[in-house]
Amino acid sequence: MKAWRIVIALSFLLLSGCLVSFKEPLPADQAAPAALLGKWTSKNAWGEPLTLQLSRVGNNRYKAVTSVKARPQQHDTYEFTVSRHGSRWYLSAAVPQALGGHFTIAGFELTDEHELVLYQLDLEQINQARGQNALHGEPFDTKDGEGVLIDSALPQVFAYLDDPANSDVFVEAARFQRAGK
């Protein structure tokens, strides 16, 4: 697994090679919570220590830099935006062309235990929403697996995501701890 998958797990999210992408990114009209920024650590699927550095790069635009601690010179960088709807925080980042391009949307929360938890959208649940016409989009394939490109407008997407009845559409993708000072 490449380190960028952890970031796409920041939407950024590709567990099992499945991907939910969107034609529109989140607009850069909201600031991220201050507690989101800084250095975070975790371990990848092979137990290797990972670092995630989140910083501001502009007006309501942010950058995520990920690396495996054993190879800090090899890092991946992604810009993202955030949005809060109701009680949920979301982030959005561009998806690499090799995975269809467009944008991914993920959920995140900052816990009382000083953890950053990232949630990806469950492909099966999103496909069910498509089948019920709650969302519109088309399936696609990448070298890493299947995906779906949602072309519904963001207000329709958030109406679906914010509905408490759809809370199971989010699956935990990664959990990071605040790096020691």
Protein backbone atom coordinates (compact mmCIF):
# COMPACT_ATOMS: atom_id res chain seq x y z
CA MET A 1 0.00 0.00 0.00
CA LYS A 2 1.43 3.38 -0.92
CA ALA A 3 1.48 6.15 1.66
CA TRP A 4 -0.89 8.27 -0.46
CA ARG A 5 -3.62 5.76 0.31
CA ILE A 6 -3.54 6.97 3.91
CA VAL A 7 -4.27 10.46 2.65
CA ILE A 8 -6.90 9.31 0.23
CA ALA A 9 -8.07 7.61 3.39
CA LEU A 10 -8.29 11.25 4.59
CA SER A 11 -11.22 10.99 1.85
CA PHE A 12 -8.74 10.43 0.93
CA LEU A 13 -9.95 6.79 1.25
CA LEU A 14 -9.30 3.61 -0.60
CA LEU A 15 -9.66 0.62 1.66
CA SER A 16 -10.06 -2.55 -0.36
CA GLY A 17 -9.38 -0.61 -3.57
CA CYS A 18 -12.94 0.75 -3.60
CA LEU A 19 -13.45 4.43 -4.21
CA VAL A 20 -16.35 6.83 -4.04
CA SER A 21 -15.49 9.99 -5.95
CA PHE A 22 -17.38 13.17 -6.74
CA LYS A 23 -17.37 15.60 -9.64
CA GLU A 24 -17.30 18.59 -7.28
CA PRO A 25 -14.88 19.27 -4.41
CA LEU A 26 -15.94 20.90 -1.18
CA PRO A 27 -15.72 24.67 -1.61
CA ALA A 28 -12.95 26.39 0.34
CA ASP A 29 -15.40 28.50 2.33
CA GLN A 30 -14.90 27.08 5.83
CA ALA A 31 -11.89 26.93 8.12
CA ALA A 32 -10.73 23.66 9.62
CA PRO A 33 -10.79 23.29 13.39
CA ALA A 34 -7.43 24.42 14.79
CA ALA A 35 -6.98 21.06 16.54
CA LEU A 36 -6.84 19.31 13.15
CA LEU A 37 -3.57 20.97 12.19
CA GLY A 38 -0.23 19.58 13.31
CA LYS A 39 1.58 16.27 13.33
CA TRP A 40 -0.17 12.93 13.71
CA THR A 41 1.13 9.34 13.85
CA SER A 42 -0.29 5.91 13.10
CA LYS A 43 0.76 2.56 11.65
CA ASN A 44 0.02 1.19 8.20
CA ALA A 45 -1.29 -2.29 7.43
CA TRP A 46 2.24 -3.72 7.80
CA GLY A 47 2.82 -2.13 11.20
CA GLU A 48 5.18 0.53 9.87
CA PRO A 49 4.98 3.87 11.71
CA LEU A 50 3.38 6.64 9.63
CA THR A 51 3.41 10.37 10.01
CA LEU A 52 0.75 12.78 8.82
CA GLN A 53 1.48 16.51 8.89
CA LEU A 54 -1.54 18.78 8.36
CA SER A 55 -1.01 22.49 7.72
CA ARG A 56 -2.70 25.55 6.26
CA VAL A 57 -1.58 26.55 2.74
CA GLY A 58 -4.01 29.36 2.01
CA ASN A 59 -7.39 30.80 2.77
CA ASN A 60 -9.32 27.72 3.99
CA ARG A 61 -7.00 25.40 2.05
CA TYR A 62 -4.90 22.77 3.75
CA LYS A 63 -2.08 20.36 2.96
CA ALA A 64 -1.53 16.80 4.13
CA VAL A 65 1.96 15.33 3.91
CA THR A 66 2.28 11.61 4.64
CA SER A 67 5.34 9.45 4.98
CA VAL A 68 6.50 6.18 6.46
CA LYS A 69 8.86 7.07 9.32
CA ALA A 70 11.54 4.73 7.96
CA ARG A 71 11.53 6.67 4.65
CA PRO A 72 10.71 10.32 5.50
CA GLN A 73 12.31 11.57 2.27
CA GLN A 74 9.63 9.66 0.33
CA HIS A 75 6.44 11.53 1.07
CA ASP A 76 3.16 12.33 -0.62
CA THR A 77 1.44 15.71 -0.49
CA TYR A 78 -2.23 16.49 -1.06
CA GLU A 79 -4.24 19.65 -0.72
CA PHE A 80 -7.72 19.48 0.74
CA THR A 81 -10.64 21.58 1.90
CA VAL A 82 -13.04 21.00 4.80
CA SER A 83 -16.71 21.60 5.51
CA ARG A 84 -18.95 21.18 8.53
CA HIS A 85 -22.56 20.13 8.06
CA GLY A 86 -24.61 19.62 11.19
CA SER A 87 -22.45 17.70 13.64
CA ARG A 88 -20.16 16.21 10.98
CA TRP A 89 -16.87 17.39 9.54
CA TYR A 90 -15.94 16.46 5.97
CA LEU A 91 -12.83 16.89 3.89
CA SER A 92 -12.27 16.76 0.17
CA ALA A 93 -9.13 16.10 -1.88
CA ALA A 94 -8.32 15.53 -5.53
CA VAL A 95 -8.05 11.89 -6.57
CA PRO A 96 -5.05 10.89 -8.73
CA GLN A 97 -5.81 10.45 -12.45
CA ALA A 98 -4.81 6.78 -12.22
CA LEU A 99 -7.85 6.34 -9.97
CA GLY A 100 -10.26 8.26 -12.16
CA GLY A 101 -9.48 11.80 -11.09
CA HIS A 102 -12.20 14.00 -9.62
CA PHE A 103 -12.52 14.38 -5.83
CA THR A 104 -13.11 12.27 -2.78
CA ILE A 105 -15.08 13.22 0.31
CA ALA A 106 -14.35 11.71 3.70
CA GLY A 107 -15.54 12.28 7.21
CA PHE A 108 -13.31 13.03 10.16
CA GLU A 109 -13.58 13.62 13.87
CA LEU A 110 -11.25 14.79 16.59
CA THR A 111 -11.82 12.70 19.70
CA ASP A 112 -11.47 13.62 23.37
CA GLU A 113 -8.51 11.21 23.44
CA HIS A 114 -6.61 13.49 21.01
CA GLU A 115 -7.12 11.15 18.08
CA LEU A 116 -7.95 11.98 14.49
CA VAL A 117 -10.37 9.41 13.08
CA LEU A 118 -10.95 9.32 9.33
CA TYR A 119 -14.02 7.77 7.76
CA GLN A 120 -14.45 6.67 4.19
CA LEU A 121 -17.72 6.24 2.38
CA ASP A 122 -18.84 2.63 2.00
CA LEU A 123 -19.07 1.83 -1.71
CA GLU A 124 -21.88 -0.70 -1.23
CA GLN A 125 -24.02 1.80 0.72
CA ILE A 126 -23.40 4.52 -1.88
CA ASN A 127 -24.40 2.10 -4.64
CA GLN A 128 -27.60 1.34 -2.73
CA ALA A 129 -28.28 5.08 -2.55
CA ARG A 130 -27.81 5.23 -6.32
CA GLY A 131 -30.27 2.37 -6.75
CA GLN A 132 -32.82 4.30 -4.65
CA ASN A 133 -32.14 7.52 -6.65
CA ALA A 134 -30.96 9.30 -3.50
CA LEU A 135 -27.66 9.94 -5.34
CA HIS A 136 -26.77 9.82 -9.01
CA GLY A 137 -23.57 8.56 -10.58
CA GLU A 138 -21.81 5.94 -12.65
CA PRO A 139 -19.57 3.01 -11.73
CA PHE A 140 -15.98 2.85 -13.00
CA ASP A 141 -12.99 0.54 -12.69
CA THR A 142 -9.39 1.29 -11.78
CA LYS A 143 -6.35 -0.97 -11.53
CA ASP A 144 -7.00 -1.07 -7.76
CA GLY A 145 -10.68 -2.00 -7.91
CA GLU A 146 -14.12 -0.69 -8.57
CA GLY A 147 -15.45 2.74 -7.81
CA VAL A 148 -18.36 5.05 -8.40
CA LEU A 149 -18.36 8.67 -9.58
CA ILE A 150 -21.20 10.62 -7.97
CA ASP A 151 -22.40 13.53 -10.08
CA SER A 152 -25.17 14.73 -7.78
CA ALA A 153 -24.87 18.37 -6.70
CA LEU A 154 -23.27 18.93 -3.28
CA PRO A 155 -26.55 20.01 -1.58
CA GLN A 156 -28.08 16.65 -2.57
CA VAL A 157 -24.94 14.79 -1.45
CA PHE A 158 -24.98 16.47 1.96
CA ALA A 159 -28.72 15.97 2.37
CA TYR A 160 -27.99 12.24 2.04
CA LEU A 161 -24.80 12.18 4.14
CA ASP A 162 -26.22 14.33 6.95
CA ASP A 163 -29.35 12.22 7.34
CA PRO A 164 -28.95 10.22 10.61
CA ALA A 165 -30.62 7.26 8.88
CA ASN A 166 -27.52 7.04 6.66
CA SER A 167 -24.91 7.09 9.43
CA ASP A 168 -23.78 3.57 8.45
CA VAL A 169 -22.50 4.94 5.12
CA PHE A 170 -19.27 5.89 6.95
CA VAL A 171 -16.63 3.27 7.76
CA GLU A 172 -13.57 3.97 9.89
CA ALA A 173 -10.55 4.06 7.59
CA ALA A 174 -7.70 5.29 9.78
CA ARG A 175 -6.97 6.43 13.30
CA PHE A 176 -4.10 8.77 14.15
CA GLN A 177 -2.72 9.92 17.48
CA ARG A 178 -1.36 13.40 18.12
CA ALA A 179 2.42 13.26 17.82
CA GLY A 180 4.34 14.06 21.00
CA LYS A 181 5.71 17.55 21.31
